[in-house]
Amino acid sequence: MSTKVVNELNQEVKGVSLWMDAWRRLRKNKMAMGGLVVMIIYAVISLSAGLLPIYSYKQQVLEHQYLPPSTRPAGELLIEKKVELLSAFAAKEGRELNAVELEEIEELKERIATETKVLLTGEEVKVHERVYYLGTDELGRDLLARIIYGGQVSIMIGLIGALASMIIGVVLGALSGYIGGAFDSLLMRFVDIMYSLPYMLLVIIMMSMFGKNIMNLFFALAIVSWLTVCRVVRGQIISLKNAEFVEAARASGAGTWRIVLRHLIPNTMSVIVVYTTLRVPSFIMLEAFLSFLGLGVQAPYASWGVLIHDGVYAMTTYPWMLWFPAIVMTLFLFSMNFFGDGLRDALDPQSKNKL
């Protein structure tokens, strides 16, 4: 038979868990909730990319290169570009379009109306009827499709990198804080040595040694990014390892691994969750930096960093190649940071009166 807890007004009081209390306070933070909504939208679009009515991110139509963002078919833009080019030549010579040039325009219109192309999927379509809402790149690929599929790669790198560094850092930090002694001293001196080395230089060296592929990128980012979380978790474990519930577990015969995994780490989950959410944008930025140096994701795959790298070289003539990937990536990074900051405030006991 359950016992009800009542207050001085004889009203039933229901207990609230840490996570439910944190969720209640998180919902009051409009910036954090806005960031969460944007992140969910990004995740849904990225995961359902194969079901969306977009073109293949690998399909090249060289005749469609550098087409500007438009809601009109590509064929119309090609005709318009041809007319502008011939008119410019004619105006330079101080004349009107001649019969040969007009015939050339008519031949282009006829070819565009009837020409078909076999896609990578084996489907034959009238390729000039395509509409590129965000324009095309230097190889005539749809920029919208490349941004969406690039989001898959960038978000995956952020999540996998953050999770890998979290797992390594949490396990080593928890063992270091609980065991102490020589193991703690050796591990912390190793962390100090790693901290003294340039982080990005280590990643660049690893990518150069092991090759430029996406698995090596995951490995290089994760292997040198666990240092901070290791120190944070170690500090939390040191403050908890002499608590009453740990002494009770030790007295009941629980071993080191059981105490660490079942009792200590769960009591540091709030710090771990917050740190992980704040690390995801960092990994996306690191991948973008490596891609800018040519050491990131390699073709035919793309990421937001690769698209921004390609757009920089064409920004003066074809600005949409830089602006659209940069805006999409910036919006996601801001959303992740807003959500991470809001989650930190929601899980911080000292901020209960602030939200």
Protein backbone atom coordinates (compact mmCIF):
# COMPACT_ATOMS: atom_id res chain seq x y z
CA MET A 1 0.00 0.00 0.00
CA SER A 2 1.51 3.30 -1.15
CA THR A 3 1.80 6.21 1.28
CA LYS A 4 0.82 9.66 0.04
CA VAL A 5 2.92 12.66 0.96
CA VAL A 6 0.89 15.77 1.78
CA ASN A 7 1.82 19.35 2.62
CA GLU A 8 0.49 21.60 5.36
CA LEU A 9 -2.68 22.23 3.30
CA ASN A 10 -3.35 18.51 3.04
CA GLN A 11 -2.53 18.56 -0.67
CA GLU A 12 -0.80 15.58 -2.22
CA VAL A 13 2.84 16.24 -3.15
CA LYS A 14 4.26 14.23 -6.05
CA GLY A 15 7.97 13.61 -6.25
CA VAL A 16 9.87 14.88 -9.28
CA SER A 17 13.01 13.19 -10.60
CA LEU A 18 16.14 15.13 -11.52
CA TRP A 19 15.53 14.65 -15.24
CA MET A 20 11.86 15.61 -15.08
CA ASP A 21 12.75 18.71 -13.08
CA ALA A 22 15.46 19.57 -15.61
CA TRP A 23 13.02 19.10 -18.52
CA ARG A 24 10.50 21.38 -16.82
CA ARG A 25 13.09 24.13 -16.45
CA LEU A 26 14.49 23.53 -19.94
CA ARG A 27 11.05 24.14 -21.47
CA LYS A 28 11.04 27.64 -19.94
CA ASN A 29 14.23 28.50 -21.84
CA LYS A 30 12.90 29.69 -25.21
CA MET A 31 16.32 29.89 -26.87
CA ALA A 32 17.18 26.32 -25.86
CA MET A 33 13.81 24.98 -27.01
CA GLY A 34 14.15 26.87 -30.28
CA GLY A 35 17.56 25.27 -30.75
CA LEU A 36 16.09 21.84 -29.99
CA VAL A 37 13.33 22.33 -32.59
CA VAL A 38 15.87 23.37 -35.24
CA MET A 39 18.05 20.35 -34.41
CA ILE A 40 15.05 18.01 -34.76
CA ILE A 41 14.18 19.56 -38.15
CA TYR A 42 17.77 19.08 -39.32
CA ALA A 43 17.80 15.47 -38.10
CA VAL A 44 14.49 14.62 -39.81
CA ILE A 45 15.59 16.16 -43.12
CA SER A 46 19.00 14.45 -43.02
CA LEU A 47 17.64 11.03 -42.09
CA SER A 48 14.88 11.16 -44.71
CA ALA A 49 17.12 12.53 -47.49
CA GLY A 50 16.58 9.39 -49.58
CA LEU A 51 12.81 9.90 -49.46
CA LEU A 52 12.81 13.60 -50.32
CA PRO A 53 12.05 14.74 -53.90
CA ILE A 54 15.60 15.96 -54.52
CA TYR A 55 18.17 15.05 -57.12
CA SER A 56 21.21 12.85 -56.56
CA TYR A 57 24.09 14.66 -54.90
CA LYS A 58 26.50 12.78 -57.22
CA GLN A 59 24.75 13.41 -60.55
CA GLN A 60 26.80 15.69 -62.79
CA VAL A 61 25.27 17.69 -65.62
CA LEU A 62 28.22 19.72 -66.90
CA GLU A 63 26.00 21.90 -69.06
CA HIS A 64 24.25 23.06 -65.87
CA GLN A 65 27.36 24.24 -64.06
CA TYR A 66 27.14 27.47 -62.08
CA LEU A 67 23.40 27.94 -62.59
CA PRO A 68 22.03 30.52 -60.10
CA PRO A 69 19.24 29.76 -57.59
CA SER A 70 15.91 29.83 -59.42
CA THR A 71 12.40 28.39 -59.52
CA ARG A 72 12.58 28.11 -63.32
CA PRO A 73 13.73 25.02 -65.26
CA ALA A 74 17.42 24.78 -66.06
CA GLY A 75 16.66 24.84 -69.81
CA GLU A 76 15.21 28.33 -69.58
CA LEU A 77 18.27 29.56 -67.70
CA LEU A 78 20.58 28.05 -70.33
CA ILE A 79 18.67 29.78 -73.14
CA GLU A 80 18.71 33.04 -71.24
CA LYS A 81 22.45 32.74 -70.61
CA LYS A 82 23.06 32.02 -74.32
CA VAL A 83 20.99 35.00 -75.43
CA GLU A 84 22.81 37.30 -72.99
CA LEU A 85 26.19 36.05 -74.22
CA LEU A 86 25.40 36.52 -77.91
CA SER A 87 23.73 39.89 -77.26
CA ALA A 88 26.83 41.08 -75.40
CA PHE A 89 29.05 40.14 -78.36
CA ALA A 90 26.69 41.84 -80.78
CA ALA A 91 26.47 44.98 -78.64
CA LYS A 92 30.25 45.13 -78.44
CA GLU A 93 30.35 45.17 -82.24
CA GLY A 94 27.54 47.72 -82.39
CA ARG A 95 24.98 45.54 -84.16
CA GLU A 96 21.87 43.39 -83.65
CA LEU A 97 21.83 39.61 -83.50
CA ASN A 98 22.41 38.18 -86.97
CA ALA A 99 20.68 35.24 -88.64
CA VAL A 100 23.38 32.75 -87.65
CA GLU A 101 23.14 33.70 -84.00
CA LEU A 102 19.34 33.59 -84.02
CA GLU A 103 19.48 30.15 -85.63
CA GLU A 104 21.94 29.03 -82.96
CA ILE A 105 19.49 30.13 -80.27
CA GLU A 106 16.62 28.26 -81.96
CA GLU A 107 18.73 25.10 -82.23
CA LEU A 108 19.52 25.35 -78.52
CA LYS A 109 15.83 25.70 -77.69
CA GLU A 110 14.96 22.66 -79.80
CA ARG A 111 17.73 20.57 -78.26
CA ILE A 112 16.77 21.52 -74.72
CA ALA A 113 13.13 20.62 -75.39
CA THR A 114 13.99 17.10 -76.60
CA GLU A 115 17.35 16.11 -75.06
CA THR A 116 17.36 13.31 -72.49
CA LYS A 117 20.04 11.96 -70.17
CA VAL A 118 20.45 8.60 -68.44
CA LEU A 119 20.90 9.17 -64.69
CA LEU A 120 23.07 7.15 -62.33
CA THR A 121 19.96 5.18 -61.38
CA GLY A 122 19.46 4.12 -64.99
CA GLU A 123 16.41 6.33 -65.43
CA GLU A 124 16.18 8.38 -68.64
CA VAL A 125 14.80 11.88 -68.11
CA LYS A 126 14.63 15.28 -69.75
CA VAL A 127 17.39 16.70 -67.65
CA HIS A 128 16.85 20.32 -68.72
CA GLU A 129 13.49 20.33 -66.93
CA ARG A 130 15.28 20.22 -63.58
CA VAL A 131 14.75 23.09 -61.15
CA TYR A 132 17.68 24.05 -58.92
CA TYR A 133 16.27 26.06 -56.03
CA LEU A 134 19.72 26.74 -54.54
CA GLY A 135 21.68 26.68 -57.79
CA THR A 136 24.43 24.31 -58.95
CA ASP A 137 28.18 23.93 -58.41
CA GLU A 138 31.15 23.72 -60.76
CA LEU A 139 30.15 20.25 -61.97
CA GLY A 140 26.46 20.99 -62.43
CA ARG A 141 25.37 19.17 -59.25
CA ASP A 142 22.32 20.30 -57.30
CA LEU A 143 23.50 22.40 -54.35
CA LEU A 144 20.34 21.70 -52.33
CA ALA A 145 20.92 17.94 -52.52
CA ARG A 146 24.59 18.34 -51.63
CA ILE A 147 23.74 20.49 -48.60
CA ILE A 148 21.20 17.93 -47.34
CA TYR A 149 23.50 14.94 -47.84
CA GLY A 150 26.42 16.98 -46.54
CA GLY A 151 24.37 17.55 -43.39
CA GLN A 152 24.21 13.78 -42.92
CA VAL A 153 28.00 13.55 -42.97
CA SER A 154 28.65 16.62 -40.79
CA ILE A 155 26.08 15.70 -38.14
CA MET A 156 27.31 12.09 -38.12
CA ILE A 157 30.89 13.28 -37.62
CA GLY A 158 29.77 15.55 -34.78
CA LEU A 159 27.76 12.84 -33.02
CA ILE A 160 30.20 9.96 -33.47
CA GLY A 161 33.18 12.12 -32.53
CA ALA A 162 31.45 13.44 -29.41
CA LEU A 163 30.23 9.98 -28.34
CA ALA A 164 33.62 8.34 -28.94
CA SER A 165 35.50 11.01 -26.99
CA MET A 166 32.86 10.86 -24.25
CA ILE A 167 33.13 7.08 -23.83
CA ILE A 168 36.95 7.13 -23.70
CA GLY A 169 37.08 10.17 -21.42
CA VAL A 170 34.34 8.97 -19.05
CA VAL A 171 35.81 5.49 -18.55
CA LEU A 172 39.40 6.68 -18.06
CA GLY A 173 38.38 9.68 -15.94
CA ALA A 174 36.14 7.59 -13.71
CA LEU A 175 38.80 4.92 -13.16
CA SER A 176 41.46 7.56 -12.54
CA GLY A 177 39.35 9.39 -9.98
CA TYR A 178 38.21 6.25 -8.16
CA ILE A 179 41.43 4.20 -8.15
CA GLY A 180 43.80 7.13 -7.60
CA GLY A 181 47.41 6.43 -6.71
CA ALA A 182 49.96 5.56 -9.40
CA PHE A 183 47.31 4.96 -12.06
CA ASP A 184 45.84 8.42 -11.54
CA SER A 185 49.28 10.07 -11.57
CA LEU A 186 50.41 8.31 -14.76
CA LEU A 187 47.17 9.03 -16.60
CA MET A 188 47.10 12.70 -15.60
CA ARG A 189 50.74 13.17 -16.64
CA PHE A 190 49.88 11.62 -20.00
CA VAL A 191 46.93 14.01 -20.30
CA ASP A 192 49.22 16.93 -19.47
CA ILE A 193 51.65 15.87 -22.20
CA MET A 194 48.84 15.55 -24.73
CA TYR A 195 47.52 18.97 -23.71
CA SER A 196 50.92 20.50 -24.40
CA LEU A 197 50.84 19.33 -28.03
CA PRO A 198 48.95 21.29 -30.72
CA TYR A 199 45.58 19.56 -31.04
CA MET A 200 44.95 20.27 -34.71
CA LEU A 201 48.53 19.42 -35.63
CA LEU A 202 48.06 15.93 -34.18
CA VAL A 203 44.86 15.45 -36.16
CA ILE A 204 46.52 16.66 -39.38
CA ILE A 205 49.49 14.32 -38.83
CA MET A 206 47.18 11.35 -38.22
CA MET A 207 45.13 12.12 -41.34
CA SER A 208 48.32 12.42 -43.39
CA MET A 209 49.71 9.14 -42.02
CA PHE A 210 46.61 6.93 -42.17
CA GLY A 211 44.97 8.33 -45.31
CA LYS A 212 42.12 10.64 -46.18
CA ASN A 213 38.96 8.65 -45.59
CA ILE A 214 36.00 9.17 -43.32
CA MET A 215 36.85 6.34 -40.87
CA ASN A 216 40.33 7.73 -40.30
CA LEU A 217 38.74 11.13 -39.75
CA PHE A 218 36.52 9.69 -36.99
CA PHE A 219 39.53 7.99 -35.40
CA ALA A 220 41.78 11.07 -35.57
CA LEU A 221 39.16 13.37 -34.04
CA ALA A 222 38.16 10.97 -31.25
CA ILE A 223 41.62 9.80 -30.20
CA VAL A 224 42.82 13.26 -29.13
CA SER A 225 39.57 14.86 -27.95
CA TRP A 226 38.84 12.93 -24.75
CA LEU A 227 41.29 14.85 -22.57
CA THR A 228 38.95 17.53 -21.23
CA VAL A 229 36.05 15.19 -20.48
CA CYS A 230 38.51 12.86 -18.72
CA ARG A 231 39.57 15.65 -16.37
CA VAL A 232 36.00 16.82 -15.78
CA VAL A 233 34.75 13.32 -14.93
CA ARG A 234 37.80 12.62 -12.76
CA GLY A 235 37.03 15.71 -10.66
CA GLN A 236 33.40 14.67 -10.27
CA ILE A 237 34.36 11.11 -9.25
CA ILE A 238 36.88 12.33 -6.67
CA SER A 239 34.15 14.42 -5.05
CA LEU A 240 31.77 11.43 -4.97
CA LYS A 241 33.93 8.39 -4.23
CA ASN A 242 33.74 8.85 -0.44
CA ALA A 243 30.00 9.47 -0.38
CA GLU A 244 27.72 7.28 1.74
CA PHE A 245 26.18 5.38 -1.17
CA VAL A 246 29.66 4.42 -2.43
CA GLU A 247 30.69 3.24 1.04
CA ALA A 248 27.49 1.18 1.23
CA ALA A 249 28.20 -0.40 -2.16
CA ARG A 250 31.77 -1.16 -1.15
CA ALA A 251 30.60 -2.69 2.13
CA SER A 252 28.16 -4.93 0.27
CA GLY A 253 31.05 -6.42 -1.70
CA ALA A 254 30.72 -4.54 -4.98
CA GLY A 255 33.86 -4.49 -7.10
CA THR A 256 35.59 -1.50 -8.68
CA TRP A 257 33.87 -1.83 -12.07
CA ARG A 258 30.43 -2.23 -10.52
CA ILE A 259 30.87 0.81 -8.28
CA VAL A 260 32.19 2.93 -11.16
CA LEU A 261 29.64 1.85 -13.76
CA ARG A 262 26.54 1.43 -11.57
CA HIS A 263 26.99 4.13 -8.95
CA LEU A 264 29.56 6.81 -9.80
CA ILE A 265 29.11 7.39 -13.54
CA PRO A 266 25.29 7.64 -13.32
CA ASN A 267 25.73 10.39 -10.74
CA THR A 268 27.87 12.39 -13.18
CA MET A 269 25.55 11.94 -16.18
CA SER A 270 24.29 15.53 -16.06
CA VAL A 271 27.82 16.85 -16.60
CA ILE A 272 28.51 14.24 -19.29
CA VAL A 273 25.31 14.98 -21.22
CA VAL A 274 25.92 18.73 -21.18
CA TYR A 275 29.54 18.36 -22.25
CA THR A 276 28.57 16.01 -25.09
CA THR A 277 26.00 18.44 -26.51
CA LEU A 278 28.59 21.22 -26.45
CA ARG A 279 31.21 19.03 -28.15
CA VAL A 280 29.10 18.20 -31.21
CA PRO A 281 29.43 21.71 -32.72
CA SER A 282 33.16 21.63 -31.97
CA PHE A 283 33.63 18.44 -33.98
CA ILE A 284 31.62 19.85 -36.89
CA MET A 285 33.82 22.94 -36.86
CA LEU A 286 36.98 20.82 -36.71
CA GLU A 287 35.82 18.75 -39.68
CA ALA A 288 35.02 21.95 -41.59
CA PHE A 289 38.54 23.23 -40.87
CA LEU A 290 40.13 19.96 -42.01
CA SER A 291 37.98 19.96 -45.15
CA PHE A 292 39.11 23.52 -45.83
CA LEU A 293 42.69 22.20 -45.75
CA GLY A 294 41.77 19.29 -48.03
CA LEU A 295 42.11 16.67 -45.26
CA GLY A 296 38.43 16.15 -44.48
CA VAL A 297 35.68 14.27 -46.27
CA GLN A 298 36.69 13.19 -49.76
CA ALA A 299 34.64 13.02 -52.99
CA PRO A 300 32.06 11.86 -53.94
CA TYR A 301 30.90 12.50 -50.37
CA ALA A 302 30.47 16.03 -49.17
CA SER A 303 30.08 17.81 -45.87
CA TRP A 304 29.23 21.38 -44.98
CA GLY A 305 32.95 22.05 -44.60
CA VAL A 306 33.69 20.71 -48.09
CA LEU A 307 30.89 22.81 -49.62
CA ILE A 308 32.16 25.95 -47.86
CA HIS A 309 35.70 25.15 -49.05
CA ASP A 310 34.46 24.89 -52.64
CA GLY A 311 32.35 28.02 -52.28
CA VAL A 312 35.23 30.20 -51.08
CA TYR A 313 37.01 29.92 -54.42
CA ALA A 314 33.91 30.97 -56.35
CA MET A 315 32.38 33.45 -53.89
CA THR A 316 33.03 36.58 -55.97
CA THR A 317 31.37 35.22 -59.13
CA TYR A 318 28.96 32.61 -57.77
CA PRO A 319 28.21 33.68 -54.17
CA TRP A 320 25.39 31.18 -53.63
CA MET A 321 27.96 28.35 -53.51
CA LEU A 322 29.30 29.82 -50.26
CA TRP A 323 26.31 31.55 -48.70
CA PHE A 324 23.83 28.67 -48.59
CA PRO A 325 26.14 26.04 -46.99
CA ALA A 326 27.51 28.67 -44.59
CA ILE A 327 24.02 29.78 -43.48
CA VAL A 328 22.82 26.18 -42.99
CA MET A 329 25.90 25.22 -40.98
CA THR A 330 25.86 28.40 -38.88
CA LEU A 331 22.19 27.94 -37.98
CA PHE A 332 22.82 24.37 -36.83
CA LEU A 333 25.86 25.33 -34.76
CA PHE A 334 23.99 28.17 -33.05
CA SER A 335 21.08 25.83 -32.30
CA MET A 336 23.39 23.21 -30.76
CA ASN A 337 25.10 25.82 -28.60
CA PHE A 338 21.80 27.33 -27.44
CA PHE A 339 20.50 23.87 -26.54
CA GLY A 340 23.74 22.89 -24.79
CA ASP A 341 23.76 26.10 -22.73
CA GLY A 342 20.09 25.65 -21.83
CA LEU A 343 20.66 22.03 -20.84
CA ARG A 344 23.59 23.04 -18.65
CA ASP A 345 21.43 25.60 -16.85
CA ALA A 346 18.56 23.14 -16.48
CA LEU A 347 20.77 20.44 -14.94
CA ASP A 348 22.66 22.84 -12.67
CA PRO A 349 21.15 22.72 -9.15
CA GLN A 350 22.42 26.24 -8.50
CA SER A 351 20.25 27.62 -11.31
CA LYS A 352 16.91 26.29 -10.07
CA ASN A 353 15.77 29.75 -9.04
CA LYS A 354 16.86 31.30 -12.33
CA LEU A 355 14.48 29.40 -14.62
